[in-house]
Amino acid sequence: MSWIFGGEQPGRRTPHPIDLDEVKPWTRTPGSVSGPEPADDRETAKGRSWVDKCLRWCAAEFGEQAVRREFALPTAEFLPADLAALTGRYQRARILELVDRVGAVMGADTWHVDLRLSAAGALDQDGGKRRTVGSYHRADGRDVIELDLEYADRPADLAALIAHELGHLRLVSEGRLRASWPVADEEKLTDLVTVYLGMGVLTANAAYSYATARRGFSVLPMGDLAGRMLNGAASDDPVHRLGYLTPDQFAHALARCARLRGEPDPAWARHLEPGIRAAVRRTLTEGERQPGVSGR
């Protein structure tokens, strides 16, 4: 459990070389198929290519060792028990402990985080049409994270929410983002940072669970997270998932990180939702069949 209490501190350093330019498992050789590539395949390849580009960016920003640290898992050892049964300062203390645990995994300095907890629905936007369950911003030189206590009874989802907000902290508070980044790409990058920095099992599970069960979180610009009401919103509601990464992109990012870690059959994959676990293992298997693909 040393990774919970120690590890790298946030800040820049010169990263070691890292190979993310190997042959990609979805690359088709000329003549391998006839006719144009289907639109959905092109979109999938485009999304995976974007993930690879941003993983290279993460390697340059955070260093190659960051991806090799121990992944956080949705276990009783990591997540607080009976959080919803607590109230007041006792509940706040346990949530602060979880913020510190997630921060330790991600190398985020949480010492000066101003944590604000709100009753369910208190952060809603647009007259309650968008259920906001978390946000990040800076105020008076401090990092402010707001969380909706509705998710206190779902500690794995709460940890995923916290990870996303701490992803914003590492990008914004540490001055890593370029002003030219589009807002949508910034939000996708924030999700990807949670994967690269060790929280990907929990954030991917949250995204996949929502995509299949129509429940969970959605990310709004500037670090706001909105959750759909659990009593069944319309299927065409634009608020759909944790962040802007699709489950396929989460799976691809996790598989790439597994190979960078030298894990052809990662033990942590057992903790993924079945659908995304299958996608990760399929991507790893396809990569092994490609000539010239390293295990890194």
C-alpha atoms as a PDB file:
ATOM      1  CA  MET A   1       0.000   0.000   0.000  1.00  0.00           C
ATOM      2  CA  SER A   2       2.999   2.335  -0.212  1.00  0.00           C
ATOM      3  CA  TRP A   3       1.617   3.776  -3.424  1.00  0.00           C
ATOM      4  CA  ILE A   4      -1.296   5.272  -1.472  1.00  0.00           C
ATOM      5  CA  PHE A   5       0.904   7.316   0.828  1.00  0.00           C
ATOM      6  CA  GLY A   6       3.987   8.006  -1.255  1.00  0.00           C
ATOM      7  CA  GLY A   7       5.090   8.389  -4.836  1.00  0.00           C
ATOM      8  CA  GLU A   8       5.872  11.095  -7.283  1.00  0.00           C
ATOM      9  CA  GLN A   9       4.908  14.674  -6.572  1.00  0.00           C
ATOM     10  CA  PRO A  10       3.334  16.806  -9.289  1.00  0.00           C
ATOM     11  CA  GLY A  11       5.648  18.966 -11.359  1.00  0.00           C
ATOM     12  CA  ARG A  12       7.587  18.842 -14.574  1.00  0.00           C
ATOM     13  CA  ARG A  13      10.634  16.776 -15.284  1.00  0.00           C
ATOM     14  CA  THR A  14      12.402  15.525 -18.366  1.00  0.00           C
ATOM     15  CA  PRO A  15      10.744  12.219 -19.298  1.00  0.00           C
ATOM     16  CA  HIS A  16      12.611   9.119 -20.381  1.00  0.00           C
ATOM     17  CA  PRO A  17      12.104   7.983 -23.983  1.00  0.00           C
ATOM     18  CA  ILE A  18       8.900   6.055 -24.451  1.00  0.00           C
ATOM     19  CA  ASP A  19       7.783   4.160 -27.546  1.00  0.00           C
ATOM     20  CA  LEU A  20       4.210   4.892 -28.528  1.00  0.00           C
ATOM     21  CA  ASP A  21       4.829   4.885 -32.274  1.00  0.00           C
ATOM     22  CA  GLU A  22       4.757   1.142 -32.869  1.00  0.00           C
ATOM     23  CA  VAL A  23       2.464  -0.498 -35.417  1.00  0.00           C
ATOM     24  CA  LYS A  24      -1.113   0.000 -34.316  1.00  0.00           C
ATOM     25  CA  PRO A  25      -3.373  -3.077 -34.097  1.00  0.00           C
ATOM     26  CA  TRP A  26      -6.094  -1.484 -36.202  1.00  0.00           C
ATOM     27  CA  THR A  27      -3.763  -0.444 -39.055  1.00  0.00           C
ATOM     28  CA  ARG A  28      -4.729  -2.088 -42.358  1.00  0.00           C
ATOM     29  CA  THR A  29      -2.138  -2.817 -44.990  1.00  0.00           C
ATOM     30  CA  PRO A  30      -2.879  -1.732 -48.575  1.00  0.00           C
ATOM     31  CA  GLY A  31      -5.056  -4.281 -50.337  1.00  0.00           C
ATOM     32  CA  SER A  32      -6.135  -5.978 -47.131  1.00  0.00           C
ATOM     33  CA  VAL A  33      -9.732  -4.913 -47.735  1.00  0.00           C
ATOM     34  CA  SER A  34     -11.625  -3.893 -50.840  1.00  0.00           C
ATOM     35  CA  GLY A  35     -13.526  -0.643 -51.117  1.00  0.00           C
ATOM     36  CA  PRO A  36     -13.529   2.301 -48.700  1.00  0.00           C
ATOM     37  CA  GLU A  37     -13.200   1.796 -44.969  1.00  0.00           C
ATOM     38  CA  PRO A  38     -16.621   1.838 -43.262  1.00  0.00           C
ATOM     39  CA  ALA A  39     -17.434   5.146 -41.574  1.00  0.00           C
ATOM     40  CA  ASP A  40     -17.673   3.601 -38.104  1.00  0.00           C
ATOM     41  CA  ASP A  41     -14.263   1.942 -38.571  1.00  0.00           C
ATOM     42  CA  ARG A  42     -12.775   5.247 -39.669  1.00  0.00           C
ATOM     43  CA  GLU A  43     -14.203   6.974 -36.609  1.00  0.00           C
ATOM     44  CA  THR A  44     -12.876   4.218 -34.338  1.00  0.00           C
ATOM     45  CA  ALA A  45      -9.411   4.451 -35.888  1.00  0.00           C
ATOM     46  CA  LYS A  46      -9.499   8.244 -35.628  1.00  0.00           C
ATOM     47  CA  GLY A  47     -10.424   8.048 -31.946  1.00  0.00           C
ATOM     48  CA  ARG A  48      -7.689   5.531 -31.188  1.00  0.00           C
ATOM     49  CA  SER A  49      -5.139   7.606 -33.075  1.00  0.00           C
ATOM     50  CA  TRP A  50      -6.128  10.599 -30.953  1.00  0.00           C
ATOM     51  CA  VAL A  51      -5.640   8.491 -27.813  1.00  0.00           C
ATOM     52  CA  ASP A  52      -2.150   7.494 -28.958  1.00  0.00           C
ATOM     53  CA  LYS A  53      -1.213  11.106 -29.683  1.00  0.00           C
ATOM     54  CA  CYS A  54      -2.358  12.196 -26.229  1.00  0.00           C
ATOM     55  CA  LEU A  55      -0.592   9.282 -24.541  1.00  0.00           C
ATOM     56  CA  ARG A  56       2.623  10.556 -26.096  1.00  0.00           C
ATOM     57  CA  TRP A  57       1.771  13.965 -24.690  1.00  0.00           C
ATOM     58  CA  CYS A  58       1.159  12.443 -21.247  1.00  0.00           C
ATOM     59  CA  ALA A  59       4.516  10.653 -21.411  1.00  0.00           C
ATOM     60  CA  ALA A  60       6.281  13.939 -22.165  1.00  0.00           C
ATOM     61  CA  GLU A  61       4.414  15.797 -19.420  1.00  0.00           C
ATOM     62  CA  PHE A  62       4.310  13.263 -16.592  1.00  0.00           C
ATOM     63  CA  GLY A  63       7.198  10.934 -17.442  1.00  0.00           C
ATOM     64  CA  GLU A  64       7.183   7.290 -18.434  1.00  0.00           C
ATOM     65  CA  GLN A  65       7.398   6.005 -14.866  1.00  0.00           C
ATOM     66  CA  ALA A  66       4.004   7.495 -14.006  1.00  0.00           C
ATOM     67  CA  VAL A  67       2.177   4.884 -16.097  1.00  0.00           C
ATOM     68  CA  ARG A  68       4.081   2.055 -14.383  1.00  0.00           C
ATOM     69  CA  ARG A  69       2.900   2.815 -10.876  1.00  0.00           C
ATOM     70  CA  GLU A  70       0.296   0.579  -9.255  1.00  0.00           C
ATOM     71  CA  PHE A  71      -3.240   1.001 -10.579  1.00  0.00           C
ATOM     72  CA  ALA A  72      -6.047   1.814  -8.152  1.00  0.00           C
ATOM     73  CA  LEU A  73      -8.715  -0.894  -8.003  1.00  0.00           C
ATOM     74  CA  PRO A  74     -12.357  -0.895  -6.848  1.00  0.00           C
ATOM     75  CA  THR A  75     -11.611  -2.958  -3.758  1.00  0.00           C
ATOM     76  CA  ALA A  76     -12.478  -2.603  -0.084  1.00  0.00           C
ATOM     77  CA  GLU A  77      -8.819  -1.826   0.532  1.00  0.00           C
ATOM     78  CA  PHE A  78      -9.023   1.334  -1.578  1.00  0.00           C
ATOM     79  CA  LEU A  79     -12.651   2.468  -1.280  1.00  0.00           C
ATOM     80  CA  PRO A  80     -14.261   3.633   1.981  1.00  0.00           C
ATOM     81  CA  ALA A  81     -17.012   1.467   3.447  1.00  0.00           C
ATOM     82  CA  ASP A  82     -20.387   2.701   4.710  1.00  0.00           C
ATOM     83  CA  LEU A  83     -19.670   6.219   3.492  1.00  0.00           C
ATOM     84  CA  ALA A  84     -23.354   6.995   2.972  1.00  0.00           C
ATOM     85  CA  ALA A  85     -24.126   5.976   6.586  1.00  0.00           C
ATOM     86  CA  LEU A  86     -21.870   8.723   7.941  1.00  0.00           C
ATOM     87  CA  THR A  87     -22.887  12.347   8.358  1.00  0.00           C
ATOM     88  CA  GLY A  88     -21.327  15.711   8.987  1.00  0.00           C
ATOM     89  CA  ARG A  89     -17.640  15.969   9.766  1.00  0.00           C
ATOM     90  CA  TYR A  90     -17.232  12.198   9.939  1.00  0.00           C
ATOM     91  CA  GLN A  91     -18.409  11.772   6.361  1.00  0.00           C
ATOM     92  CA  ARG A  92     -16.323  14.736   5.234  1.00  0.00           C
ATOM     93  CA  ALA A  93     -13.224  13.230   6.847  1.00  0.00           C
ATOM     94  CA  ARG A  94     -13.727   9.933   4.999  1.00  0.00           C
ATOM     95  CA  ILE A  95     -14.254  11.700   1.671  1.00  0.00           C
ATOM     96  CA  LEU A  96     -11.105  13.754   2.265  1.00  0.00           C
ATOM     97  CA  GLU A  97      -9.246  10.477   2.847  1.00  0.00           C
ATOM     98  CA  LEU A  98     -10.523   9.236  -0.509  1.00  0.00           C
ATOM     99  CA  VAL A  99      -9.430  12.468  -2.208  1.00  0.00           C
ATOM    100  CA  ASP A 100      -5.966  11.984  -0.713  1.00  0.00           C
ATOM    101  CA  ARG A 101      -5.845   8.335  -1.847  1.00  0.00           C
ATOM    102  CA  VAL A 102      -6.838   9.208  -5.394  1.00  0.00           C
ATOM    103  CA  GLY A 103      -4.381  12.109  -5.324  1.00  0.00           C
ATOM    104  CA  ALA A 104      -1.581   9.799  -4.205  1.00  0.00           C
ATOM    105  CA  VAL A 105      -2.299   7.475  -7.134  1.00  0.00           C
ATOM    106  CA  MET A 106      -2.339  10.361  -9.616  1.00  0.00           C
ATOM    107  CA  GLY A 107       0.612  12.263  -8.124  1.00  0.00           C
ATOM    108  CA  ALA A 108      -1.635  15.236  -7.346  1.00  0.00           C
ATOM    109  CA  ASP A 109      -0.937  17.601  -4.477  1.00  0.00           C
ATOM    110  CA  THR A 110      -4.215  17.560  -2.537  1.00  0.00           C
ATOM    111  CA  TRP A 111      -2.916  19.335   0.556  1.00  0.00           C
ATOM    112  CA  HIS A 112      -4.329  22.707  -0.496  1.00  0.00           C
ATOM    113  CA  VAL A 113      -7.532  21.442  -2.137  1.00  0.00           C
ATOM    114  CA  ASP A 114     -10.630  23.253  -0.911  1.00  0.00           C
ATOM    115  CA  LEU A 115     -13.214  20.439  -0.787  1.00  0.00           C
ATOM    116  CA  ARG A 116     -16.833  21.526  -0.828  1.00  0.00           C
ATOM    117  CA  LEU A 117     -19.649  19.020  -0.330  1.00  0.00           C
ATOM    118  CA  SER A 118     -23.188  19.765  -1.441  1.00  0.00           C
ATOM    119  CA  ALA A 119     -26.534  18.108  -0.849  1.00  0.00           C
ATOM    120  CA  ALA A 120     -27.937  16.111  -3.759  1.00  0.00           C
ATOM    121  CA  GLY A 121     -29.071  18.440  -6.507  1.00  0.00           C
ATOM    122  CA  ALA A 122     -27.546  21.603  -5.029  1.00  0.00           C
ATOM    123  CA  LEU A 123     -25.120  21.972  -7.955  1.00  0.00           C
ATOM    124  CA  ASP A 124     -27.740  21.471 -10.666  1.00  0.00           C
ATOM    125  CA  GLN A 125     -27.659  23.721 -13.717  1.00  0.00           C
ATOM    126  CA  ASP A 126     -30.261  25.026 -16.177  1.00  0.00           C
ATOM    127  CA  GLY A 127     -33.083  24.828 -13.673  1.00  0.00           C
ATOM    128  CA  GLY A 128     -32.322  21.205 -12.829  1.00  0.00           C
ATOM    129  CA  LYS A 129     -32.122  19.989 -16.430  1.00  0.00           C
ATOM    130  CA  ARG A 130     -28.447  19.102 -15.951  1.00  0.00           C
ATOM    131  CA  ARG A 131     -27.567  17.225 -12.796  1.00  0.00           C
ATOM    132  CA  THR A 132     -24.133  18.486 -11.790  1.00  0.00           C
ATOM    133  CA  VAL A 133     -22.376  16.184  -9.333  1.00  0.00           C
ATOM    134  CA  GLY A 134     -18.865  17.611  -9.339  1.00  0.00           C
ATOM    135  CA  SER A 135     -16.801  20.565 -10.457  1.00  0.00           C
ATOM    136  CA  TYR A 136     -13.274  21.965 -10.376  1.00  0.00           C
ATOM    137  CA  HIS A 137     -12.130  25.562 -10.517  1.00  0.00           C
ATOM    138  CA  ARG A 138      -9.515  27.851  -9.065  1.00  0.00           C
ATOM    139  CA  ALA A 139     -10.434  30.627  -6.655  1.00  0.00           C
ATOM    140  CA  ASP A 140      -8.072  32.968  -4.783  1.00  0.00           C
ATOM    141  CA  GLY A 141      -5.105  30.866  -5.858  1.00  0.00           C
ATOM    142  CA  ARG A 142      -6.594  27.623  -4.513  1.00  0.00           C
ATOM    143  CA  ASP A 143      -7.928  24.498  -6.183  1.00  0.00           C
ATOM    144  CA  VAL A 144     -11.631  24.082  -5.408  1.00  0.00           C
ATOM    145  CA  ILE A 145     -13.405  20.747  -5.868  1.00  0.00           C
ATOM    146  CA  GLU A 146     -17.142  20.492  -5.324  1.00  0.00           C
ATOM    147  CA  LEU A 147     -18.865  17.116  -4.973  1.00  0.00           C
ATOM    148  CA  ASP A 148     -22.538  16.166  -4.794  1.00  0.00           C
ATOM    149  CA  LEU A 149     -23.190  13.864  -1.837  1.00  0.00           C
ATOM    150  CA  GLU A 150     -25.644  11.831  -3.918  1.00  0.00           C
ATOM    151  CA  TYR A 151     -22.708   9.616  -4.864  1.00  0.00           C
ATOM    152  CA  ALA A 152     -21.666   8.890  -1.296  1.00  0.00           C
ATOM    153  CA  ASP A 153     -23.452   5.544  -1.539  1.00  0.00           C
ATOM    154  CA  ARG A 154     -21.434   4.609  -4.645  1.00  0.00           C
ATOM    155  CA  PRO A 155     -17.789   4.972  -3.581  1.00  0.00           C
ATOM    156  CA  ALA A 156     -16.344   3.574  -6.842  1.00  0.00           C
ATOM    157  CA  ASP A 157     -18.247   6.180  -8.858  1.00  0.00           C
ATOM    158  CA  LEU A 158     -17.289   8.858  -6.333  1.00  0.00           C
ATOM    159  CA  ALA A 159     -13.625   7.903  -6.731  1.00  0.00           C
ATOM    160  CA  ALA A 160     -13.985   8.161 -10.527  1.00  0.00           C
ATOM    161  CA  LEU A 161     -15.562  11.584 -10.136  1.00  0.00           C
ATOM    162  CA  ILE A 162     -12.713  12.704  -7.858  1.00  0.00           C
ATOM    163  CA  ALA A 163     -10.146  11.346 -10.312  1.00  0.00           C
ATOM    164  CA  HIS A 164     -11.600  13.437 -13.121  1.00  0.00           C
ATOM    165  CA  GLU A 165     -11.499  16.596 -11.007  1.00  0.00           C
ATOM    166  CA  LEU A 166      -7.916  15.891  -9.936  1.00  0.00           C
ATOM    167  CA  GLY A 167      -7.099  15.381 -13.610  1.00  0.00           C
ATOM    168  CA  HIS A 168      -8.216  18.967 -14.138  1.00  0.00           C
ATOM    169  CA  LEU A 169      -6.026  19.996 -11.208  1.00  0.00           C
ATOM    170  CA  ARG A 170      -2.936  18.406 -12.728  1.00  0.00           C
ATOM    171  CA  LEU A 171      -3.626  19.984 -16.103  1.00  0.00           C
ATOM    172  CA  VAL A 172      -4.839  23.432 -15.069  1.00  0.00           C
ATOM    173  CA  SER A 173      -3.213  24.146 -11.731  1.00  0.00           C
ATOM    174  CA  GLU A 174       0.182  22.927 -12.958  1.00  0.00           C
ATOM    175  CA  GLY A 175      -0.076  24.988 -16.158  1.00  0.00           C
ATOM    176  CA  ARG A 176       0.176  22.055 -18.560  1.00  0.00           C
ATOM    177  CA  LEU A 177      -2.608  22.993 -20.994  1.00  0.00           C
ATOM    178  CA  ARG A 178      -2.091  25.084 -24.090  1.00  0.00           C
ATOM    179  CA  ALA A 179      -4.527  27.939 -24.576  1.00  0.00           C
ATOM    180  CA  SER A 180      -5.289  26.554 -28.043  1.00  0.00           C
ATOM    181  CA  TRP A 181      -6.792  23.293 -26.710  1.00  0.00           C
ATOM    182  CA  PRO A 182     -10.496  23.067 -27.666  1.00  0.00           C
ATOM    183  CA  VAL A 183     -12.767  22.579 -24.655  1.00  0.00           C
ATOM    184  CA  ALA A 184     -13.980  19.176 -25.879  1.00  0.00           C
ATOM    185  CA  ASP A 185     -10.400  17.955 -26.361  1.00  0.00           C
ATOM    186  CA  GLU A 186      -9.486  19.290 -22.921  1.00  0.00           C
ATOM    187  CA  GLU A 187     -12.238  17.211 -21.341  1.00  0.00           C
ATOM    188  CA  LYS A 188     -11.213  14.099 -23.285  1.00  0.00           C
ATOM    189  CA  LEU A 189      -7.604  14.677 -22.280  1.00  0.00           C
ATOM    190  CA  THR A 190      -8.667  14.979 -18.638  1.00  0.00           C
ATOM    191  CA  ASP A 191     -10.261  11.524 -18.827  1.00  0.00           C
ATOM    192  CA  LEU A 192      -7.155  10.134 -20.518  1.00  0.00           C
ATOM    193  CA  VAL A 193      -4.954  11.583 -17.786  1.00  0.00           C
ATOM    194  CA  THR A 194      -6.916   9.546 -15.222  1.00  0.00           C
ATOM    195  CA  VAL A 195      -5.982   6.406 -17.185  1.00  0.00           C
ATOM    196  CA  TYR A 196      -2.300   7.291 -17.596  1.00  0.00           C
ATOM    197  CA  LEU A 197      -1.989   8.236 -13.923  1.00  0.00           C
ATOM    198  CA  GLY A 198      -3.488   5.035 -12.521  1.00  0.00           C
ATOM    199  CA  MET A 199      -7.230   5.602 -12.050  1.00  0.00           C
ATOM    200  CA  GLY A 200      -8.350   4.184 -15.402  1.00  0.00           C
ATOM    201  CA  VAL A 201     -10.008   1.033 -14.058  1.00  0.00           C
ATOM    202  CA  LEU A 202     -12.473   3.097 -12.041  1.00  0.00           C
ATOM    203  CA  THR A 203     -13.083   5.824 -14.627  1.00  0.00           C
ATOM    204  CA  ALA A 204     -13.474   3.309 -17.463  1.00  0.00           C
ATOM    205  CA  ASN A 205     -15.935   1.248 -15.407  1.00  0.00           C
ATOM    206  CA  ALA A 206     -17.994   4.365 -14.684  1.00  0.00           C
ATOM    207  CA  ALA A 207     -18.065   5.297 -18.381  1.00  0.00           C
ATOM    208  CA  TYR A 208     -18.917   1.772 -19.554  1.00  0.00           C
ATOM    209  CA  SER A 209     -21.609   1.225 -16.916  1.00  0.00           C
ATOM    210  CA  TYR A 210     -23.341   4.375 -17.998  1.00  0.00           C
ATOM    211  CA  ALA A 211     -23.083   3.608 -21.704  1.00  0.00           C
ATOM    212  CA  THR A 212     -24.739   0.217 -21.187  1.00  0.00           C
ATOM    213  CA  ALA A 213     -27.205   1.036 -18.398  1.00  0.00           C
ATOM    214  CA  ARG A 214     -28.019   4.678 -19.244  1.00  0.00           C
ATOM    215  CA  ARG A 215     -26.824   5.934 -15.876  1.00  0.00           C
ATOM    216  CA  GLY A 216     -23.734   7.628 -14.520  1.00  0.00           C
ATOM    217  CA  PHE A 217     -21.857  10.855 -15.075  1.00  0.00           C
ATOM    218  CA  SER A 218     -21.198  13.346 -17.796  1.00  0.00           C
ATOM    219  CA  VAL A 219     -18.493  15.951 -17.993  1.00  0.00           C
ATOM    220  CA  LEU A 220     -19.314  19.568 -18.680  1.00  0.00           C
ATOM    221  CA  PRO A 221     -16.732  22.196 -19.657  1.00  0.00           C
ATOM    222  CA  MET A 222     -14.390  23.516 -16.961  1.00  0.00           C
ATOM    223  CA  GLY A 223     -14.528  20.386 -14.851  1.00  0.00           C
ATOM    224  CA  ASP A 224     -18.251  20.208 -14.079  1.00  0.00           C
ATOM    225  CA  LEU A 225     -19.647  16.687 -13.888  1.00  0.00           C
ATOM    226  CA  ALA A 226     -23.341  16.102 -14.477  1.00  0.00           C
ATOM    227  CA  GLY A 227     -25.151  12.894 -13.586  1.00  0.00           C
ATOM    228  CA  ARG A 228     -28.407  11.749 -15.104  1.00  0.00           C
ATOM    229  CA  MET A 229     -31.324  11.142 -12.794  1.00  0.00           C
ATOM    230  CA  LEU A 230     -31.544   7.464 -11.937  1.00  0.00           C
ATOM    231  CA  ASN A 231     -35.292   7.252 -12.464  1.00  0.00           C
ATOM    232  CA  GLY A 232     -34.821   6.964 -16.223  1.00  0.00           C
ATOM    233  CA  ALA A 233     -34.195   9.964 -18.433  1.00  0.00           C
ATOM    234  CA  ALA A 234     -34.983   9.938 -22.142  1.00  0.00           C
ATOM    235  CA  SER A 235     -32.497   7.986 -24.250  1.00  0.00           C
ATOM    236  CA  ASP A 236     -31.787  11.055 -26.389  1.00  0.00           C
ATOM    237  CA  ASP A 237     -30.756  13.161 -23.398  1.00  0.00           C
ATOM    238  CA  PRO A 238     -27.401  14.728 -24.421  1.00  0.00           C
ATOM    239  CA  VAL A 239     -25.894  14.045 -20.984  1.00  0.00           C
ATOM    240  CA  HIS A 240     -24.498  10.564 -21.362  1.00  0.00           C
ATOM    241  CA  ARG A 241     -21.212   9.536 -19.773  1.00  0.00           C
ATOM    242  CA  LEU A 242     -18.186  10.251 -17.606  1.00  0.00           C
ATOM    243  CA  GLY A 243     -16.157  12.521 -19.823  1.00  0.00           C
ATOM    244  CA  TYR A 244     -15.943  12.511 -23.567  1.00  0.00           C
ATOM    245  CA  LEU A 245     -13.913   9.327 -24.059  1.00  0.00           C
ATOM    246  CA  THR A 246     -15.977   6.490 -25.483  1.00  0.00           C
ATOM    247  CA  PRO A 247     -15.755   3.026 -23.899  1.00  0.00           C
ATOM    248  CA  ASP A 248     -13.686   1.936 -26.942  1.00  0.00           C
ATOM    249  CA  GLN A 249     -11.231   4.789 -26.344  1.00  0.00           C
ATOM    250  CA  PHE A 250     -11.010   3.936 -22.645  1.00  0.00           C
ATOM    251  CA  ALA A 251     -10.354   0.289 -23.553  1.00  0.00           C
ATOM    252  CA  HIS A 252      -7.723   1.242 -26.118  1.00  0.00           C
ATOM    253  CA  ALA A 253      -5.980   3.556 -23.643  1.00  0.00           C
ATOM    254  CA  LEU A 254      -5.965   0.863 -20.951  1.00  0.00           C
ATOM    255  CA  ALA A 255      -4.558  -1.699 -23.403  1.00  0.00           C
ATOM    256  CA  ARG A 256      -1.824   0.708 -24.494  1.00  0.00           C
ATOM    257  CA  CYS A 257      -0.922   1.405 -20.879  1.00  0.00           C
ATOM    258  CA  ALA A 258      -0.822  -2.332 -20.163  1.00  0.00           C
ATOM    259  CA  ARG A 259       1.708  -2.826 -22.964  1.00  0.00           C
ATOM    260  CA  LEU A 260       3.768   0.122 -21.743  1.00  0.00           C
ATOM    261  CA  ARG A 261       3.802  -1.558 -18.339  1.00  0.00           C
ATOM    262  CA  GLY A 262       4.896  -4.876 -19.887  1.00  0.00           C
ATOM    263  CA  GLU A 263       1.650  -6.631 -18.908  1.00  0.00           C
ATOM    264  CA  PRO A 264       0.346  -8.914 -21.680  1.00  0.00           C
ATOM    265  CA  ASP A 265      -2.350 -10.227 -19.306  1.00  0.00           C
ATOM    266  CA  PRO A 266      -2.776  -7.551 -16.615  1.00  0.00           C
ATOM    267  CA  ALA A 267      -4.190  -8.751 -13.303  1.00  0.00           C
ATOM    268  CA  TRP A 268      -6.060  -5.460 -12.850  1.00  0.00           C
ATOM    269  CA  ALA A 269      -8.192  -6.249 -15.923  1.00  0.00           C
ATOM    270  CA  ARG A 270     -10.217  -8.652 -13.757  1.00  0.00           C
ATOM    271  CA  HIS A 271     -11.684  -5.597 -12.041  1.00  0.00           C
ATOM    272  CA  LEU A 272     -13.028  -4.076 -15.271  1.00  0.00           C
ATOM    273  CA  GLU A 273     -16.646  -4.329 -16.343  1.00  0.00           C
ATOM    274  CA  PRO A 274     -16.983  -7.446 -18.565  1.00  0.00           C
ATOM    275  CA  GLY A 275     -17.519  -5.552 -21.819  1.00  0.00           C
ATOM    276  CA  ILE A 276     -14.582  -3.226 -21.450  1.00  0.00           C
ATOM    277  CA  ARG A 277     -12.387  -6.042 -20.112  1.00  0.00           C
ATOM    278  CA  ALA A 278     -13.073  -8.043 -23.262  1.00  0.00           C
ATOM    279  CA  ALA A 279     -12.201  -5.015 -25.407  1.00  0.00           C
ATOM    280  CA  VAL A 280      -8.909  -4.497 -23.556  1.00  0.00           C
ATOM    281  CA  ARG A 281      -7.899  -8.142 -23.942  1.00  0.00           C
ATOM    282  CA  ARG A 282      -8.932  -8.191 -27.598  1.00  0.00           C
ATOM    283  CA  THR A 283      -6.779  -5.149 -28.288  1.00  0.00           C
ATOM    284  CA  LEU A 284      -3.837  -6.725 -26.469  1.00  0.00           C
ATOM    285  CA  THR A 285      -4.230  -9.966 -28.447  1.00  0.00           C
ATOM    286  CA  GLU A 286      -4.460  -8.111 -31.746  1.00  0.00           C
ATOM    287  CA  GLY A 287      -1.303  -6.191 -30.868  1.00  0.00           C
ATOM    288  CA  GLU A 288       0.615  -9.402 -30.218  1.00  0.00           C
ATOM    289  CA  ARG A 289      -0.198 -10.576 -33.763  1.00  0.00           C
ATOM    290  CA  GLN A 290       1.287  -7.481 -35.348  1.00  0.00           C
ATOM    291  CA  PRO A 291       4.931  -7.843 -36.402  1.00  0.00           C
ATOM    292  CA  GLY A 292       7.316  -5.332 -34.923  1.00  0.00           C
ATOM    293  CA  VAL A 293       5.111  -4.423 -31.967  1.00  0.00           C
ATOM    294  CA  SER A 294       7.137  -4.199 -28.770  1.00  0.00           C
ATOM    295  CA  GLY A 295       5.853  -5.204 -25.366  1.00  0.00           C
ATOM    296  CA  ARG A 296       6.252  -1.652 -24.189  1.00  0.00           C
END
